[in-house]
Amino acid sequence: MSIYMSRAELEEISEGLITAYANKFSNRVIQSIDIEHFITEFLMLRIEYASFAEDDAGRIGFLADGATPLLVHQDGKIVPFVFPKDTIVLDKFLLAEKEQGRRRFTMAHEASHHILSKMYAMPSEYRNDF
């Protein structure tokens, strides 16, 4: 099952969410969006970092559903770990200062999975994690 949205539809949804965020936190001067604050305080998602051990080296972000394990390096071993539902998990290398742009993009990307799943009540098996 695939759901396609036009760029205009996505922009309208995004603009609505950012406007609601700005209204809720009107005491903050918003010149650019603090994506971590938007995710944790507005969307009420958690953000955690882990050292990914997935076969897909391109996987650097994951929106946990509370059931699907993510392979991570832990205590020198590769273990499947189930993160709590509504947790955005980012690969630890994104904490490097030079990865700030990629970190912000990946957070926003994973948050979009959460937003779209709320809009379309899509089961997790239809999600494409980045």
C-alpha atoms as a PDB file:
ATOM      1  CA  MET A   1       0.000   0.000   0.000  1.00  0.00           C
ATOM      2  CA  SER A   2       1.427   3.324  -1.034  1.00  0.00           C
ATOM      3  CA  ILE A   3       0.056   6.736  -0.279  1.00  0.00           C
ATOM      4  CA  TYR A   4       1.242   9.577  -2.444  1.00  0.00           C
ATOM      5  CA  MET A   5       0.930  13.210  -1.514  1.00  0.00           C
ATOM      6  CA  SER A   6       1.697  16.158  -3.703  1.00  0.00           C
ATOM      7  CA  ARG A   7       4.385  18.636  -2.713  1.00  0.00           C
ATOM      8  CA  ALA A   8       1.608  21.209  -2.174  1.00  0.00           C
ATOM      9  CA  GLU A   9      -0.209  18.875   0.238  1.00  0.00           C
ATOM     10  CA  LEU A  10       2.981  18.186   2.179  1.00  0.00           C
ATOM     11  CA  GLU A  11       3.798  21.895   2.352  1.00  0.00           C
ATOM     12  CA  GLU A  12       0.280  22.682   3.578  1.00  0.00           C
ATOM     13  CA  ILE A  13       0.555  20.077   6.343  1.00  0.00           C
ATOM     14  CA  SER A  14       4.024  21.315   7.291  1.00  0.00           C
ATOM     15  CA  GLU A  15       2.959  24.947   7.362  1.00  0.00           C
ATOM     16  CA  GLY A  16      -0.029  24.091   9.539  1.00  0.00           C
ATOM     17  CA  LEU A  17       2.125  22.191  12.029  1.00  0.00           C
ATOM     18  CA  ILE A  18       4.761  24.921  12.215  1.00  0.00           C
ATOM     19  CA  THR A  19       2.056  27.566  12.700  1.00  0.00           C
ATOM     20  CA  ALA A  20       0.508  25.510  15.520  1.00  0.00           C
ATOM     21  CA  TYR A  21       3.976  25.048  17.057  1.00  0.00           C
ATOM     22  CA  ALA A  22       4.723  28.781  16.844  1.00  0.00           C
ATOM     23  CA  ASN A  23       1.346  29.602  18.439  1.00  0.00           C
ATOM     24  CA  LYS A  24       1.844  27.103  21.261  1.00  0.00           C
ATOM     25  CA  PHE A  25       5.338  28.375  22.038  1.00  0.00           C
ATOM     26  CA  SER A  26       4.729  32.051  21.276  1.00  0.00           C
ATOM     27  CA  ASN A  27       7.033  33.028  24.144  1.00  0.00           C
ATOM     28  CA  ARG A  28      10.001  31.849  22.022  1.00  0.00           C
ATOM     29  CA  VAL A  29      11.402  33.990  19.250  1.00  0.00           C
ATOM     30  CA  ILE A  30      11.203  31.711  16.228  1.00  0.00           C
ATOM     31  CA  GLN A  31      13.600  32.636  13.454  1.00  0.00           C
ATOM     32  CA  SER A  32      14.283  29.031  12.579  1.00  0.00           C
ATOM     33  CA  ILE A  33      12.715  25.885  13.929  1.00  0.00           C
ATOM     34  CA  ASP A  34      14.485  24.093  16.764  1.00  0.00           C
ATOM     35  CA  ILE A  35      13.693  20.636  15.405  1.00  0.00           C
ATOM     36  CA  GLU A  36      14.549  18.875  18.673  1.00  0.00           C
ATOM     37  CA  HIS A  37      12.173  21.123  20.612  1.00  0.00           C
ATOM     38  CA  PHE A  38       9.462  20.672  17.959  1.00  0.00           C
ATOM     39  CA  ILE A  39       9.813  16.895  18.180  1.00  0.00           C
ATOM     40  CA  THR A  40      10.067  16.535  21.954  1.00  0.00           C
ATOM     41  CA  GLU A  41       7.744  19.292  23.173  1.00  0.00           C
ATOM     42  CA  PHE A  42       5.186  19.605  20.362  1.00  0.00           C
ATOM     43  CA  LEU A  43       5.004  16.105  18.896  1.00  0.00           C
ATOM     44  CA  MET A  44       5.838  14.561  22.293  1.00  0.00           C
ATOM     45  CA  LEU A  45       8.330  12.067  20.863  1.00  0.00           C
ATOM     46  CA  ARG A  46      11.538  10.937  22.520  1.00  0.00           C
ATOM     47  CA  ILE A  47      14.930  11.138  20.827  1.00  0.00           C
ATOM     48  CA  GLU A  48      17.632   8.584  21.625  1.00  0.00           C
ATOM     49  CA  TYR A  49      21.005   7.757  20.133  1.00  0.00           C
ATOM     50  CA  ALA A  50      22.450   4.298  19.578  1.00  0.00           C
ATOM     51  CA  SER A  51      25.252   2.722  17.589  1.00  0.00           C
ATOM     52  CA  PHE A  52      23.395   1.048  14.714  1.00  0.00           C
ATOM     53  CA  ALA A  53      24.459  -2.442  13.612  1.00  0.00           C
ATOM     54  CA  GLU A  54      21.950  -2.910  10.785  1.00  0.00           C
ATOM     55  CA  ASP A  55      22.968  -4.558   7.493  1.00  0.00           C
ATOM     56  CA  ASP A  56      21.789  -1.392   5.709  1.00  0.00           C
ATOM     57  CA  ALA A  57      24.668   1.033   6.291  1.00  0.00           C
ATOM     58  CA  GLY A  58      22.431   3.843   5.024  1.00  0.00           C
ATOM     59  CA  ARG A  59      19.996   3.436   7.880  1.00  0.00           C
ATOM     60  CA  ILE A  60      20.779   6.258  10.281  1.00  0.00           C
ATOM     61  CA  GLY A  61      17.351   6.969  11.765  1.00  0.00           C
ATOM     62  CA  PHE A  62      14.463   4.867  13.030  1.00  0.00           C
ATOM     63  CA  LEU A  63      11.007   5.619  14.415  1.00  0.00           C
ATOM     64  CA  ALA A  64      10.323   2.943  17.014  1.00  0.00           C
ATOM     65  CA  ASP A  65       6.928   1.302  17.164  1.00  0.00           C
ATOM     66  CA  GLY A  66       7.590  -0.487  20.457  1.00  0.00           C
ATOM     67  CA  ALA A  67       7.687  -3.885  18.756  1.00  0.00           C
ATOM     68  CA  THR A  68      10.240  -3.874  15.925  1.00  0.00           C
ATOM     69  CA  PRO A  69      13.816  -4.500  17.089  1.00  0.00           C
ATOM     70  CA  LEU A  70      16.743  -2.442  15.846  1.00  0.00           C
ATOM     71  CA  LEU A  71      20.168  -4.077  15.734  1.00  0.00           C
ATOM     72  CA  VAL A  72      22.583  -2.061  17.860  1.00  0.00           C
ATOM     73  CA  HIS A  73      26.098  -2.423  19.215  1.00  0.00           C
ATOM     74  CA  GLN A  74      25.900  -2.950  22.970  1.00  0.00           C
ATOM     75  CA  ASP A  75      28.722  -4.096  25.255  1.00  0.00           C
ATOM     76  CA  GLY A  76      30.790  -5.262  22.283  1.00  0.00           C
ATOM     77  CA  LYS A  77      27.962  -7.361  20.827  1.00  0.00           C
ATOM     78  CA  ILE A  78      25.280  -6.861  18.215  1.00  0.00           C
ATOM     79  CA  VAL A  79      21.890  -7.192  19.872  1.00  0.00           C
ATOM     80  CA  PRO A  80      18.309  -6.616  18.772  1.00  0.00           C
ATOM     81  CA  PHE A  81      16.804  -3.864  20.918  1.00  0.00           C
ATOM     82  CA  VAL A  82      13.183  -2.746  21.022  1.00  0.00           C
ATOM     83  CA  PHE A  83      12.912   0.964  21.762  1.00  0.00           C
ATOM     84  CA  PRO A  84       9.740   2.389  23.295  1.00  0.00           C
ATOM     85  CA  LYS A  85       6.977   3.401  20.889  1.00  0.00           C
ATOM     86  CA  ASP A  86       7.267   6.961  19.606  1.00  0.00           C
ATOM     87  CA  THR A  87      11.020   7.136  20.075  1.00  0.00           C
ATOM     88  CA  ILE A  88      13.174   8.510  17.283  1.00  0.00           C
ATOM     89  CA  VAL A  89      16.459   6.629  17.354  1.00  0.00           C
ATOM     90  CA  LEU A  90      19.449   8.183  15.596  1.00  0.00           C
ATOM     91  CA  ASP A  91      22.823   6.649  14.918  1.00  0.00           C
ATOM     92  CA  LYS A  92      25.377   8.034  17.388  1.00  0.00           C
ATOM     93  CA  PHE A  93      27.702   9.287  14.657  1.00  0.00           C
ATOM     94  CA  LEU A  94      25.123  12.031  13.999  1.00  0.00           C
ATOM     95  CA  LEU A  95      26.159  13.651  17.298  1.00  0.00           C
ATOM     96  CA  ALA A  96      29.377  14.883  15.671  1.00  0.00           C
ATOM     97  CA  GLU A  97      29.373  18.637  15.091  1.00  0.00           C
ATOM     98  CA  LYS A  98      30.024  18.174  11.369  1.00  0.00           C
ATOM     99  CA  GLU A  99      26.851  16.041  11.122  1.00  0.00           C
ATOM    100  CA  GLN A 100      24.502  18.718  12.504  1.00  0.00           C
ATOM    101  CA  GLY A 101      22.709  19.236   9.185  1.00  0.00           C
ATOM    102  CA  ARG A 102      22.252  15.520   8.568  1.00  0.00           C
ATOM    103  CA  ARG A 103      21.101  15.053  12.187  1.00  0.00           C
ATOM    104  CA  ARG A 104      18.427  17.763  11.833  1.00  0.00           C
ATOM    105  CA  PHE A 105      17.270  16.378   8.487  1.00  0.00           C
ATOM    106  CA  THR A 106      17.069  12.821   9.842  1.00  0.00           C
ATOM    107  CA  MET A 107      15.108  13.960  12.908  1.00  0.00           C
ATOM    108  CA  ALA A 108      12.650  15.803  10.666  1.00  0.00           C
ATOM    109  CA  HIS A 109      12.409  12.807   8.342  1.00  0.00           C
ATOM    110  CA  GLU A 110      11.599  10.417  11.174  1.00  0.00           C
ATOM    111  CA  ALA A 111       9.131  12.914  12.674  1.00  0.00           C
ATOM    112  CA  SER A 112       7.367  13.007   9.314  1.00  0.00           C
ATOM    113  CA  HIS A 113       6.758   9.253   9.573  1.00  0.00           C
ATOM    114  CA  HIS A 114       5.031   9.876  12.890  1.00  0.00           C
ATOM    115  CA  ILE A 115       2.948  12.749  11.504  1.00  0.00           C
ATOM    116  CA  LEU A 116       1.880  10.883   8.374  1.00  0.00           C
ATOM    117  CA  SER A 117       1.062   7.728  10.321  1.00  0.00           C
ATOM    118  CA  LYS A 118      -1.282   9.792  12.505  1.00  0.00           C
ATOM    119  CA  MET A 119      -2.936  11.255   9.427  1.00  0.00           C
ATOM    120  CA  TYR A 120      -3.379   7.965   7.601  1.00  0.00           C
ATOM    121  CA  ALA A 121      -3.242   5.444  10.453  1.00  0.00           C
ATOM    122  CA  MET A 122      -0.689   3.479   8.443  1.00  0.00           C
ATOM    123  CA  PRO A 123       0.490   0.216  10.000  1.00  0.00           C
ATOM    124  CA  SER A 124       4.212   0.253  10.757  1.00  0.00           C
ATOM    125  CA  GLU A 125       4.999  -2.314   8.037  1.00  0.00           C
ATOM    126  CA  TYR A 126       4.223   0.339   5.406  1.00  0.00           C
ATOM    127  CA  ARG A 127       6.742   2.820   6.817  1.00  0.00           C
ATOM    128  CA  ASN A 128      10.065   3.393   5.106  1.00  0.00           C
ATOM    129  CA  ASP A 129      12.649   4.370   7.698  1.00  0.00           C
ATOM    130  CA  PHE A 130      15.527   6.475   6.513  1.00  0.00           C
END
